[in-house]
Amino acid sequence: MTETGINILGLSGSNRADSYNTRLLSVALECAKRQGASITQLDLGAINLPFYNGDLEASSGLPDTVLDLKKQFEAADGLIISTPEYNGFFPGLLKNCFDWLSRRTGPEDPILSAFDGKIAGLMAATVGGSGGIRSLTSLTTQLHYLGVTVLPRPFSLTHAGKAFNDNGSLGIEQLTTVDAMVTALLRALRQSD
C-alpha cells in the first residue's frame, strides 16, 4: 500500500461493448472508491495483447503492452475481477493476460512478481441462473496457482439482463452484497499490511 491508501485494479473478463461483467466491475470499483481506495479499471480488450507465444518472447522479449500491464499489476494492492462464463470456464482474454504476466522481465525479476502479495475479490455476471459459478471456481484455481489470495465469498449475479437499472445501477440487495465483498477485500488488504 502507498501512503495515499489502497490501490485496487479492476479487470473484466469480457471485451464486449456494454458487458454485464464490465458494468458489475464498475459498480464494485465505485464501492471501493467510496470506501477510500484508489481505483484503476483496465480494459483488456483495448490493450490488444497478442496470444502468449514463447517464440515471440524469446526473439523480442516481452511486448511493451505486457510491460505496461505488469507495472499496473505490481502497483496494485488488490484486484477485483468480474468474469463471464464461456463453456464452463473463464474467458481466454483473462488466461492470456495471466500467461503474459507470469513471465519474467529478466533474471533479477522474481517469478510471478506481478501477483506477489495480491488479494482478489471475484465476481461473475451471467444471463442465466448459474451466475458463473464454474468460471469462478476455475478462476479461483488459476489465481491460487499464481499465488493470489482469493476472498472465500465471490459475488455471483444471475439473470444479469434484468439486474441492472436503466442508469446502470444494481438493485439494493445486489449492491449491498457487492459492497460487502469490497469491504471484505479492503479489510483483508489492511490486515495484510
N, C-alpha and C. Protein backbone atom coordinates (compact mmCIF):
# COMPACT_ATOMS: atom_id res chain seq x y z
N MET A 1 0.83 -1.18 0.00
CA MET A 1 0.00 0.00 0.00
C MET A 1 0.88 1.24 0.00
N THR A 2 0.38 2.27 -0.62
CA THR A 2 1.10 3.53 -0.65
C THR A 2 0.64 4.40 0.51
N GLU A 3 1.32 5.53 0.67
CA GLU A 3 0.93 6.46 1.73
C GLU A 3 -0.49 7.00 1.50
N THR A 4 -0.91 7.01 0.24
CA THR A 4 -2.23 7.55 -0.08
C THR A 4 -3.34 6.54 0.11
N GLY A 5 -3.01 5.29 0.38
CA GLY A 5 -4.06 4.31 0.62
C GLY A 5 -3.93 3.06 -0.22
N ILE A 6 -5.02 2.38 -0.36
CA ILE A 6 -5.08 1.10 -1.06
C ILE A 6 -5.36 1.34 -2.54
N ASN A 7 -4.58 0.66 -3.37
CA ASN A 7 -4.77 0.73 -4.83
C ASN A 7 -5.44 -0.55 -5.31
N ILE A 8 -6.59 -0.39 -5.94
CA ILE A 8 -7.35 -1.53 -6.47
C ILE A 8 -7.32 -1.48 -7.99
N LEU A 9 -6.99 -2.61 -8.59
CA LEU A 9 -7.01 -2.76 -10.04
C LEU A 9 -8.19 -3.64 -10.41
N GLY A 10 -9.03 -3.16 -11.31
CA GLY A 10 -10.21 -3.91 -11.73
C GLY A 10 -10.07 -4.43 -13.14
N LEU A 11 -10.46 -5.69 -13.34
CA LEU A 11 -10.42 -6.32 -14.65
C LEU A 11 -11.75 -6.98 -14.95
N SER A 12 -12.20 -6.80 -16.16
CA SER A 12 -13.37 -7.53 -16.65
C SER A 12 -12.86 -8.59 -17.62
N GLY A 13 -13.41 -9.78 -17.49
CA GLY A 13 -13.03 -10.85 -18.40
C GLY A 13 -13.72 -10.77 -19.74
N SER A 14 -14.52 -9.74 -19.95
CA SER A 14 -15.26 -9.59 -21.20
C SER A 14 -14.72 -8.41 -22.00
N ASN A 15 -14.66 -8.58 -23.31
CA ASN A 15 -14.29 -7.45 -24.17
C ASN A 15 -15.50 -6.96 -24.98
N ARG A 16 -16.69 -7.37 -24.57
CA ARG A 16 -17.92 -6.91 -25.22
C ARG A 16 -18.23 -5.47 -24.87
N ALA A 17 -18.75 -4.74 -25.84
CA ALA A 17 -19.28 -3.41 -25.54
C ALA A 17 -20.50 -3.60 -24.64
N ASP A 18 -20.62 -2.80 -23.62
CA ASP A 18 -21.76 -2.84 -22.70
C ASP A 18 -21.91 -4.20 -22.01
N SER A 19 -20.79 -4.81 -21.67
CA SER A 19 -20.77 -6.10 -20.99
C SER A 19 -21.37 -6.00 -19.59
N TYR A 20 -22.14 -7.01 -19.21
CA TYR A 20 -22.68 -7.07 -17.85
C TYR A 20 -21.55 -7.15 -16.83
N ASN A 21 -20.49 -7.88 -17.16
CA ASN A 21 -19.38 -8.00 -16.22
C ASN A 21 -18.61 -6.70 -16.08
N THR A 22 -18.48 -5.94 -17.15
CA THR A 22 -17.83 -4.64 -17.05
C THR A 22 -18.69 -3.68 -16.25
N ARG A 23 -20.00 -3.77 -16.43
CA ARG A 23 -20.91 -2.95 -15.61
C ARG A 23 -20.78 -3.31 -14.13
N LEU A 24 -20.78 -4.61 -13.86
CA LEU A 24 -20.65 -5.08 -12.48
C LEU A 24 -19.33 -4.63 -11.88
N LEU A 25 -18.26 -4.71 -12.65
CA LEU A 25 -16.95 -4.25 -12.19
C LEU A 25 -16.99 -2.77 -11.84
N SER A 26 -17.62 -1.98 -12.69
CA SER A 26 -17.72 -0.53 -12.43
C SER A 26 -18.44 -0.25 -11.12
N VAL A 27 -19.50 -1.01 -10.85
CA VAL A 27 -20.23 -0.86 -9.59
C VAL A 27 -19.30 -1.16 -8.41
N ALA A 28 -18.56 -2.27 -8.50
CA ALA A 28 -17.66 -2.65 -7.40
C ALA A 28 -16.55 -1.63 -7.20
N LEU A 29 -16.00 -1.12 -8.30
CA LEU A 29 -14.93 -0.12 -8.18
C LEU A 29 -15.45 1.18 -7.57
N GLU A 30 -16.69 1.54 -7.89
CA GLU A 30 -17.28 2.72 -7.25
C GLU A 30 -17.44 2.50 -5.74
N CYS A 31 -17.81 1.29 -5.35
CA CYS A 31 -17.90 0.96 -3.92
C CYS A 31 -16.53 1.12 -3.26
N ALA A 32 -15.48 0.64 -3.93
CA ALA A 32 -14.12 0.76 -3.39
C ALA A 32 -13.70 2.22 -3.28
N LYS A 33 -14.04 2.99 -4.29
CA LYS A 33 -13.70 4.42 -4.28
C LYS A 33 -14.41 5.13 -3.13
N ARG A 34 -15.69 4.82 -2.92
CA ARG A 34 -16.44 5.43 -1.81
C ARG A 34 -15.82 5.08 -0.46
N GLN A 35 -15.16 3.92 -0.40
CA GLN A 35 -14.53 3.50 0.85
C GLN A 35 -13.07 3.97 0.96
N GLY A 36 -12.65 4.84 0.04
CA GLY A 36 -11.34 5.47 0.16
C GLY A 36 -10.22 4.87 -0.65
N ALA A 37 -10.49 3.85 -1.45
CA ALA A 37 -9.43 3.23 -2.26
C ALA A 37 -9.21 4.02 -3.54
N SER A 38 -7.99 3.95 -4.04
CA SER A 38 -7.70 4.45 -5.39
C SER A 38 -8.02 3.32 -6.35
N ILE A 39 -8.66 3.63 -7.46
CA ILE A 39 -9.10 2.58 -8.38
C ILE A 39 -8.56 2.82 -9.78
N THR A 40 -8.28 1.71 -10.46
CA THR A 40 -7.92 1.72 -11.87
C THR A 40 -8.70 0.60 -12.53
N GLN A 41 -9.39 0.91 -13.62
CA GLN A 41 -10.13 -0.11 -14.35
C GLN A 41 -9.42 -0.38 -15.67
N LEU A 42 -8.96 -1.60 -15.85
CA LEU A 42 -8.29 -2.00 -17.08
C LEU A 42 -9.29 -2.50 -18.10
N ASP A 43 -9.10 -2.13 -19.33
CA ASP A 43 -9.90 -2.65 -20.43
C ASP A 43 -9.00 -3.60 -21.22
N LEU A 44 -9.05 -4.88 -20.87
CA LEU A 44 -8.18 -5.86 -21.51
C LEU A 44 -8.42 -5.96 -23.01
N GLY A 45 -9.64 -5.73 -23.44
CA GLY A 45 -9.94 -5.78 -24.87
C GLY A 45 -9.25 -4.68 -25.65
N ALA A 46 -9.05 -3.54 -25.02
CA ALA A 46 -8.41 -2.40 -25.70
C ALA A 46 -6.89 -2.52 -25.73
N ILE A 47 -6.32 -3.34 -24.87
CA ILE A 47 -4.86 -3.47 -24.81
C ILE A 47 -4.32 -4.23 -26.02
N ASN A 48 -5.13 -5.13 -26.56
CA ASN A 48 -4.72 -5.93 -27.72
C ASN A 48 -3.45 -6.73 -27.45
N LEU A 49 -3.46 -7.48 -26.37
CA LEU A 49 -2.34 -8.37 -26.08
C LEU A 49 -2.29 -9.46 -27.14
N PRO A 50 -1.10 -9.76 -27.67
CA PRO A 50 -1.02 -10.91 -28.56
C PRO A 50 -1.23 -12.19 -27.74
N PHE A 51 -1.63 -13.26 -28.40
CA PHE A 51 -1.68 -14.54 -27.69
C PHE A 51 -0.27 -14.87 -27.22
N TYR A 52 -0.18 -15.42 -26.00
CA TYR A 52 1.15 -15.74 -25.49
C TYR A 52 1.84 -16.69 -26.46
N ASN A 53 3.11 -16.38 -26.74
CA ASN A 53 3.91 -17.17 -27.67
C ASN A 53 5.35 -17.13 -27.18
N GLY A 54 5.86 -18.27 -26.75
CA GLY A 54 7.23 -18.36 -26.25
C GLY A 54 8.27 -17.98 -27.29
N ASP A 55 7.98 -18.24 -28.57
CA ASP A 55 8.93 -17.85 -29.62
C ASP A 55 9.01 -16.33 -29.74
N LEU A 56 7.86 -15.67 -29.65
CA LEU A 56 7.84 -14.20 -29.68
C LEU A 56 8.62 -13.64 -28.50
N GLU A 57 8.39 -14.21 -27.34
CA GLU A 57 9.10 -13.75 -26.14
C GLU A 57 10.61 -13.96 -26.29
N ALA A 58 11.02 -15.13 -26.81
CA ALA A 58 12.45 -15.43 -26.96
C ALA A 58 13.12 -14.51 -27.98
N SER A 59 12.41 -14.16 -29.04
CA SER A 59 13.03 -13.35 -30.10
C SER A 59 12.96 -11.85 -29.82
N SER A 60 11.90 -11.39 -29.15
CA SER A 60 11.69 -9.95 -28.99
C SER A 60 11.55 -9.50 -27.54
N GLY A 61 11.53 -10.42 -26.60
CA GLY A 61 11.27 -10.04 -25.22
C GLY A 61 9.79 -9.81 -25.01
N LEU A 62 9.45 -9.30 -23.86
CA LEU A 62 8.05 -9.04 -23.57
C LEU A 62 7.59 -7.80 -24.33
N PRO A 63 6.43 -7.85 -24.96
CA PRO A 63 5.90 -6.66 -25.65
C PRO A 63 5.71 -5.50 -24.67
N ASP A 64 5.80 -4.28 -25.19
CA ASP A 64 5.61 -3.09 -24.36
C ASP A 64 4.26 -3.10 -23.64
N THR A 65 3.23 -3.62 -24.32
CA THR A 65 1.91 -3.67 -23.68
C THR A 65 1.94 -4.56 -22.44
N VAL A 66 2.73 -5.63 -22.49
CA VAL A 66 2.85 -6.52 -21.34
C VAL A 66 3.63 -5.84 -20.22
N LEU A 67 4.70 -5.14 -20.57
CA LEU A 67 5.49 -4.43 -19.56
C LEU A 67 4.64 -3.37 -18.85
N ASP A 68 3.82 -2.64 -19.62
CA ASP A 68 2.93 -1.65 -19.03
C ASP A 68 1.90 -2.31 -18.12
N LEU A 69 1.33 -3.41 -18.59
CA LEU A 69 0.34 -4.15 -17.80
C LEU A 69 0.96 -4.67 -16.51
N LYS A 70 2.18 -5.17 -16.61
CA LYS A 70 2.87 -5.70 -15.44
C LYS A 70 3.09 -4.60 -14.40
N LYS A 71 3.45 -3.41 -14.84
CA LYS A 71 3.64 -2.28 -13.92
C LYS A 71 2.33 -1.95 -13.20
N GLN A 72 1.22 -1.99 -13.93
CA GLN A 72 -0.07 -1.70 -13.30
C GLN A 72 -0.43 -2.75 -12.26
N PHE A 73 -0.15 -4.01 -12.56
CA PHE A 73 -0.41 -5.08 -11.60
C PHE A 73 0.48 -4.94 -10.38
N GLU A 74 1.75 -4.66 -10.60
CA GLU A 74 2.68 -4.54 -9.47
C GLU A 74 2.34 -3.35 -8.58
N ALA A 75 1.76 -2.30 -9.14
CA ALA A 75 1.39 -1.12 -8.36
C ALA A 75 0.11 -1.33 -7.55
N ALA A 76 -0.68 -2.32 -7.92
CA ALA A 76 -1.95 -2.58 -7.24
C ALA A 76 -1.74 -3.40 -5.97
N ASP A 77 -2.54 -3.08 -4.97
CA ASP A 77 -2.54 -3.88 -3.75
C ASP A 77 -3.51 -5.05 -3.89
N GLY A 78 -4.66 -4.76 -4.48
CA GLY A 78 -5.70 -5.77 -4.61
C GLY A 78 -6.33 -5.75 -5.97
N LEU A 79 -7.05 -6.82 -6.27
CA LEU A 79 -7.70 -6.99 -7.56
C LEU A 79 -9.19 -7.23 -7.36
N ILE A 80 -9.98 -6.67 -8.26
CA ILE A 80 -11.38 -7.05 -8.38
C ILE A 80 -11.55 -7.51 -9.82
N ILE A 81 -11.98 -8.75 -9.97
CA ILE A 81 -12.13 -9.34 -11.30
C ILE A 81 -13.57 -9.80 -11.47
N SER A 82 -14.17 -9.40 -12.57
CA SER A 82 -15.52 -9.84 -12.91
C SER A 82 -15.44 -10.61 -14.22
N THR A 83 -15.95 -11.83 -14.21
CA THR A 83 -15.76 -12.70 -15.37
C THR A 83 -17.07 -13.31 -15.87
N PRO A 84 -17.22 -13.36 -17.18
CA PRO A 84 -18.31 -14.17 -17.72
C PRO A 84 -17.93 -15.65 -17.64
N GLU A 85 -18.84 -16.48 -18.05
CA GLU A 85 -18.57 -17.91 -18.12
C GLU A 85 -18.78 -18.37 -19.55
N TYR A 86 -17.72 -18.85 -20.16
CA TYR A 86 -17.79 -19.37 -21.53
C TYR A 86 -17.48 -20.86 -21.48
N ASN A 87 -18.47 -21.67 -21.80
CA ASN A 87 -18.28 -23.12 -21.83
C ASN A 87 -17.72 -23.66 -20.52
N GLY A 88 -18.23 -23.14 -19.41
CA GLY A 88 -17.85 -23.63 -18.10
C GLY A 88 -16.52 -23.12 -17.57
N PHE A 89 -15.95 -22.11 -18.20
CA PHE A 89 -14.62 -21.65 -17.81
C PHE A 89 -14.56 -20.13 -17.93
N PHE A 90 -13.54 -19.52 -17.32
CA PHE A 90 -13.36 -18.08 -17.53
C PHE A 90 -12.74 -17.87 -18.91
N PRO A 91 -12.91 -16.70 -19.51
CA PRO A 91 -12.50 -16.46 -20.90
C PRO A 91 -10.99 -16.47 -21.13
N GLY A 92 -10.63 -16.78 -22.36
CA GLY A 92 -9.24 -16.76 -22.78
C GLY A 92 -8.60 -15.39 -22.64
N LEU A 93 -9.40 -14.33 -22.69
CA LEU A 93 -8.88 -12.98 -22.52
C LEU A 93 -8.15 -12.86 -21.18
N LEU A 94 -8.74 -13.38 -20.11
CA LEU A 94 -8.09 -13.35 -18.80
C LEU A 94 -6.90 -14.31 -18.75
N LYS A 95 -7.08 -15.51 -19.27
CA LYS A 95 -5.99 -16.50 -19.23
C LYS A 95 -4.77 -15.98 -19.97
N ASN A 96 -4.96 -15.37 -21.12
CA ASN A 96 -3.84 -14.83 -21.89
C ASN A 96 -3.14 -13.72 -21.11
N CYS A 97 -3.92 -12.88 -20.45
CA CYS A 97 -3.35 -11.83 -19.60
C CYS A 97 -2.47 -12.45 -18.51
N PHE A 98 -2.97 -13.46 -17.84
CA PHE A 98 -2.21 -14.11 -16.77
C PHE A 98 -0.96 -14.80 -17.32
N ASP A 99 -1.09 -15.42 -18.50
CA ASP A 99 0.08 -16.08 -19.10
C ASP A 99 1.20 -15.08 -19.34
N TRP A 100 0.89 -13.93 -19.90
CA TRP A 100 1.91 -12.91 -20.14
C TRP A 100 2.46 -12.37 -18.82
N LEU A 101 1.58 -12.09 -17.86
CA LEU A 101 2.03 -11.52 -16.59
C LEU A 101 2.90 -12.47 -15.78
N SER A 102 2.79 -13.76 -16.04
CA SER A 102 3.59 -14.73 -15.30
C SER A 102 5.05 -14.75 -15.76
N ARG A 103 5.35 -14.11 -16.86
CA ARG A 103 6.70 -14.13 -17.43
C ARG A 103 7.61 -13.13 -16.71
N ARG A 104 8.87 -13.46 -16.65
CA ARG A 104 9.86 -12.59 -16.01
C ARG A 104 10.38 -11.57 -17.01
N THR A 105 10.68 -10.37 -16.54
CA THR A 105 11.25 -9.34 -17.41
C THR A 105 12.76 -9.51 -17.53
N GLY A 106 13.36 -10.24 -16.63
CA GLY A 106 14.80 -10.50 -16.65
C GLY A 106 15.16 -11.45 -15.53
N PRO A 107 16.42 -11.86 -15.47
CA PRO A 107 16.83 -12.85 -14.46
C PRO A 107 16.67 -12.35 -13.02
N GLU A 108 16.70 -11.03 -12.83
CA GLU A 108 16.56 -10.48 -11.48
C GLU A 108 15.10 -10.35 -11.05
N ASP A 109 14.19 -10.47 -11.99
CA ASP A 109 12.75 -10.34 -11.72
C ASP A 109 12.25 -11.63 -11.07
N PRO A 110 11.68 -11.53 -9.85
CA PRO A 110 11.16 -12.75 -9.22
C PRO A 110 10.04 -13.38 -10.06
N ILE A 111 9.96 -14.68 -10.00
CA ILE A 111 8.90 -15.40 -10.71
C ILE A 111 7.54 -14.96 -10.14
N LEU A 112 6.60 -14.71 -11.02
CA LEU A 112 5.23 -14.32 -10.68
C LEU A 112 5.16 -13.01 -9.89
N SER A 113 6.11 -12.11 -10.12
CA SER A 113 6.17 -10.86 -9.35
C SER A 113 4.91 -10.01 -9.49
N ALA A 114 4.24 -10.08 -10.62
CA ALA A 114 3.04 -9.26 -10.82
C ALA A 114 1.92 -9.67 -9.86
N PHE A 115 1.98 -10.89 -9.36
CA PHE A 115 0.92 -11.41 -8.50
C PHE A 115 1.30 -11.43 -7.02
N ASP A 116 2.54 -11.08 -6.72
CA ASP A 116 3.07 -11.18 -5.37
C ASP A 116 2.27 -10.34 -4.37
N GLY A 117 1.77 -10.99 -3.34
CA GLY A 117 1.06 -10.31 -2.27
C GLY A 117 -0.35 -9.85 -2.61
N LYS A 118 -0.86 -10.22 -3.76
CA LYS A 118 -2.18 -9.74 -4.18
C LYS A 118 -3.30 -10.51 -3.48
N ILE A 119 -4.37 -9.77 -3.22
CA ILE A 119 -5.61 -10.35 -2.72
C ILE A 119 -6.69 -9.95 -3.71
N ALA A 120 -7.56 -10.90 -4.06
CA ALA A 120 -8.57 -10.64 -5.08
C ALA A 120 -9.97 -10.95 -4.59
N GLY A 121 -10.89 -10.10 -5.03
CA GLY A 121 -12.32 -10.35 -4.89
C GLY A 121 -12.86 -10.68 -6.27
N LEU A 122 -13.62 -11.75 -6.37
CA LEU A 122 -14.11 -12.22 -7.66
C LEU A 122 -15.62 -12.08 -7.78
N MET A 123 -16.04 -11.84 -9.02
CA MET A 123 -17.47 -11.70 -9.33
C MET A 123 -17.72 -12.31 -10.70
N ALA A 124 -18.96 -12.66 -10.93
CA ALA A 124 -19.39 -13.11 -12.26
C ALA A 124 -20.82 -12.66 -12.48
N ALA A 125 -21.10 -12.29 -13.72
CA ALA A 125 -22.46 -11.94 -14.12
C ALA A 125 -22.82 -12.78 -15.33
N THR A 126 -23.95 -13.45 -15.26
CA THR A 126 -24.40 -14.26 -16.39
C THR A 126 -25.89 -14.01 -16.63
N VAL A 127 -26.32 -14.26 -17.85
CA VAL A 127 -27.73 -14.06 -18.18
C VAL A 127 -28.59 -15.21 -17.66
N GLY A 128 -27.98 -16.34 -17.38
CA GLY A 128 -28.72 -17.49 -16.89
C GLY A 128 -28.73 -17.57 -15.37
N GLY A 129 -29.11 -18.73 -14.88
CA GLY A 129 -29.27 -18.92 -13.45
C GLY A 129 -28.04 -19.43 -12.72
N SER A 130 -26.97 -19.80 -13.45
CA SER A 130 -25.80 -20.36 -12.77
C SER A 130 -24.94 -19.29 -12.11
N GLY A 131 -25.01 -18.06 -12.59
CA GLY A 131 -24.22 -16.99 -12.00
C GLY A 131 -22.73 -17.13 -12.20
N GLY A 132 -22.32 -17.97 -13.14
CA GLY A 132 -20.90 -18.10 -13.44
C GLY A 132 -20.11 -18.90 -12.42
N ILE A 133 -20.78 -19.76 -11.67
CA ILE A 133 -20.11 -20.47 -10.59
C ILE A 133 -18.94 -21.33 -11.10
N ARG A 134 -19.08 -21.93 -12.27
CA ARG A 134 -17.98 -22.73 -12.81
C ARG A 134 -16.79 -21.85 -13.20
N SER A 135 -17.06 -20.69 -13.78
CA SER A 135 -15.95 -19.80 -14.14
C SER A 135 -15.27 -19.26 -12.89
N LEU A 136 -16.04 -18.99 -11.85
CA LEU A 136 -15.45 -18.51 -10.60
C LEU A 136 -14.57 -19.58 -9.96
N THR A 137 -15.01 -20.83 -10.04
CA THR A 137 -14.22 -21.93 -9.49
C THR A 137 -12.90 -22.09 -10.25
N SER A 138 -12.96 -22.07 -11.57
CA SER A 138 -11.73 -22.23 -12.36
C SER A 138 -10.82 -21.01 -12.21
N LEU A 139 -11.40 -19.82 -12.12
CA LEU A 139 -10.59 -18.61 -11.93
C LEU A 139 -9.91 -18.63 -10.56
N THR A 140 -10.62 -19.08 -9.54
CA THR A 140 -10.01 -19.21 -8.22
C THR A 140 -8.83 -20.16 -8.25
N THR A 141 -8.98 -21.29 -8.91
CA THR A 141 -7.89 -22.26 -9.03
C THR A 141 -6.69 -21.63 -9.73
N GLN A 142 -6.93 -20.92 -10.83
CA GLN A 142 -5.85 -20.27 -11.57
C GLN A 142 -5.12 -19.25 -10.70
N LEU A 143 -5.88 -18.41 -10.01
CA LEU A 143 -5.26 -17.37 -9.20
C LEU A 143 -4.49 -17.95 -8.02
N HIS A 144 -5.01 -19.00 -7.40
CA HIS A 144 -4.26 -19.66 -6.32
C HIS A 144 -2.93 -20.18 -6.85
N TYR A 145 -2.94 -20.76 -8.03
CA TYR A 145 -1.70 -21.26 -8.64
C TYR A 145 -0.68 -20.13 -8.82
N LEU A 146 -1.17 -18.94 -9.15
CA LEU A 146 -0.29 -17.79 -9.37
C LEU A 146 0.12 -17.12 -8.06
N GLY A 147 -0.40 -17.59 -6.94
CA GLY A 147 -0.02 -17.05 -5.64
C GLY A 147 -0.92 -15.96 -5.10
N VAL A 148 -2.06 -15.75 -5.73
CA VAL A 148 -3.00 -14.72 -5.30
C VAL A 148 -3.92 -15.30 -4.21
N THR A 149 -4.13 -14.55 -3.16
CA THR A 149 -5.12 -14.92 -2.15
C THR A 149 -6.49 -14.47 -2.65
N VAL A 150 -7.44 -15.37 -2.66
CA VAL A 150 -8.78 -15.07 -3.17
C VAL A 150 -9.76 -15.08 -2.00
N LEU A 151 -10.58 -14.03 -1.93
CA LEU A 151 -11.61 -13.99 -0.89
C LEU A 151 -12.51 -15.22 -1.02
N PRO A 152 -12.97 -15.77 0.10
CA PRO A 152 -13.74 -17.01 0.05
C PRO A 152 -15.17 -16.87 -0.47
N ARG A 153 -15.70 -15.66 -0.56
CA ARG A 153 -17.09 -15.49 -1.00
C ARG A 153 -17.18 -14.61 -2.23
N PRO A 154 -17.15 -15.21 -3.42
CA PRO A 154 -17.31 -14.40 -4.63
C PRO A 154 -18.76 -13.93 -4.75
N PHE A 155 -18.95 -12.93 -5.59
CA PHE A 155 -20.31 -12.45 -5.86
C PHE A 155 -20.76 -13.00 -7.20
N SER A 156 -21.92 -13.59 -7.22
CA SER A 156 -22.47 -14.21 -8.42
C SER A 156 -23.79 -13.54 -8.77
N LEU A 157 -23.83 -12.89 -9.93
CA LEU A 157 -25.04 -12.19 -10.37
C LEU A 157 -25.75 -13.02 -11.44
N THR A 158 -26.90 -13.56 -11.08
CA THR A 158 -27.70 -14.32 -12.03
C THR A 158 -28.66 -13.39 -12.77
N HIS A 159 -29.10 -13.84 -13.93
CA HIS A 159 -30.08 -13.08 -14.73
C HIS A 159 -29.68 -11.61 -14.85
N ALA A 160 -28.43 -11.40 -15.25
CA ALA A 160 -27.84 -10.05 -15.29
C ALA A 160 -28.62 -9.10 -16.19
N GLY A 161 -29.27 -9.62 -17.22
CA GLY A 161 -30.03 -8.76 -18.11
C GLY A 161 -31.17 -8.03 -17.42
N LYS A 162 -31.64 -8.59 -16.30
CA LYS A 162 -32.74 -7.97 -15.55
C LYS A 162 -32.24 -7.29 -14.27
N ALA A 163 -30.97 -7.44 -13.94
CA ALA A 163 -30.46 -6.97 -12.65
C ALA A 163 -30.10 -5.49 -12.63
N PHE A 164 -29.74 -4.94 -13.79
CA PHE A 164 -29.30 -3.55 -13.84
C PHE A 164 -30.46 -2.62 -14.18
N ASN A 165 -30.50 -1.48 -13.51
CA ASN A 165 -31.48 -0.44 -13.82
C ASN A 165 -31.05 0.28 -15.09
N ASP A 166 -31.91 1.13 -15.61
CA ASP A 166 -31.59 1.87 -16.84
C ASP A 166 -30.34 2.73 -16.69
N ASN A 167 -30.05 3.20 -15.48
CA ASN A 167 -28.87 4.03 -15.27
C ASN A 167 -27.61 3.22 -14.97
N GLY A 168 -27.71 1.89 -15.07
CA GLY A 168 -26.55 1.02 -14.87
C GLY A 168 -26.32 0.57 -13.44
N SER A 169 -27.19 0.99 -12.53
CA SER A 169 -27.01 0.59 -11.13
C SER A 169 -27.73 -0.73 -10.86
N LEU A 170 -27.34 -1.34 -9.76
CA LEU A 170 -27.96 -2.59 -9.32
C LEU A 170 -29.04 -2.31 -8.30
N GLY A 171 -29.90 -3.29 -8.12
CA GLY A 171 -30.89 -3.20 -7.04
C GLY A 171 -30.18 -3.19 -5.69
N ILE A 172 -30.87 -2.74 -4.67
CA ILE A 172 -30.27 -2.55 -3.35
C ILE A 172 -29.70 -3.84 -2.78
N GLU A 173 -30.38 -4.97 -2.98
CA GLU A 173 -29.89 -6.23 -2.42
C GLU A 173 -28.56 -6.63 -3.05
N GLN A 174 -28.48 -6.58 -4.38
CA GLN A 174 -27.22 -6.93 -5.05
C GLN A 174 -26.12 -5.92 -4.72
N LEU A 175 -26.48 -4.64 -4.71
CA LEU A 175 -25.49 -3.60 -4.40
C LEU A 175 -24.92 -3.78 -3.00
N THR A 176 -25.77 -4.14 -2.06
CA THR A 176 -25.32 -4.37 -0.68
C THR A 176 -24.34 -5.54 -0.64
N THR A 177 -24.60 -6.58 -1.41
CA THR A 177 -23.71 -7.75 -1.43
C THR A 177 -22.38 -7.41 -2.09
N VAL A 178 -22.41 -6.65 -3.19
CA VAL A 178 -21.16 -6.22 -3.84
C VAL A 178 -20.36 -5.35 -2.87
N ASP A 179 -21.03 -4.43 -2.21
CA ASP A 179 -20.35 -3.54 -1.27
C ASP A 179 -19.71 -4.34 -0.13
N ALA A 180 -20.38 -5.38 0.33
CA ALA A 180 -19.83 -6.23 1.40
C ALA A 180 -18.58 -6.97 0.92
N MET A 181 -18.59 -7.43 -0.34
CA MET A 181 -17.40 -8.09 -0.88
C MET A 181 -16.23 -7.11 -0.96
N VAL A 182 -16.50 -5.89 -1.40
CA VAL A 182 -15.46 -4.86 -1.49
C VAL A 182 -14.94 -4.52 -0.10
N THR A 183 -15.84 -4.40 0.87
CA THR A 183 -15.43 -4.13 2.25
C THR A 183 -14.52 -5.23 2.77
N ALA A 184 -14.86 -6.48 2.49
CA ALA A 184 -14.04 -7.62 2.92
C ALA A 184 -12.66 -7.56 2.26
N LEU A 185 -12.61 -7.19 0.98
CA LEU A 185 -11.33 -7.08 0.28
C LEU A 185 -10.46 -5.99 0.91
N LEU A 186 -11.03 -4.83 1.14
CA LEU A 186 -10.26 -3.73 1.73
C LEU A 186 -9.80 -4.07 3.14
N ARG A 187 -10.65 -4.74 3.91
CA ARG A 187 -10.27 -5.17 5.26
C ARG A 187 -9.10 -6.16 5.19
N ALA A 188 -9.17 -7.12 4.29
CA ALA A 188 -8.08 -8.10 4.15
C ALA A 188 -6.78 -7.42 3.74
N LEU A 189 -6.87 -6.44 2.87
CA LEU A 189 -5.67 -5.72 2.44
C LEU A 189 -5.06 -4.91 3.58
N ARG A 190 -5.90 -4.28 4.39
CA ARG A 190 -5.38 -3.52 5.53
C ARG A 190 -4.73 -4.45 6.56
N GLN A 191 -5.33 -5.61 6.76
CA GLN A 191 -4.78 -6.56 7.73
C GLN A 191 -3.48 -7.19 7.24
N SER A 192 -3.29 -7.25 5.92
CA SER A 192 -2.07 -7.87 5.38
C SER A 192 -0.89 -6.91 5.37
N ASP A 193 -1.16 -5.63 5.59
CA ASP A 193 -0.10 -4.61 5.53
C ASP A 193 0.79 -4.67 6.73
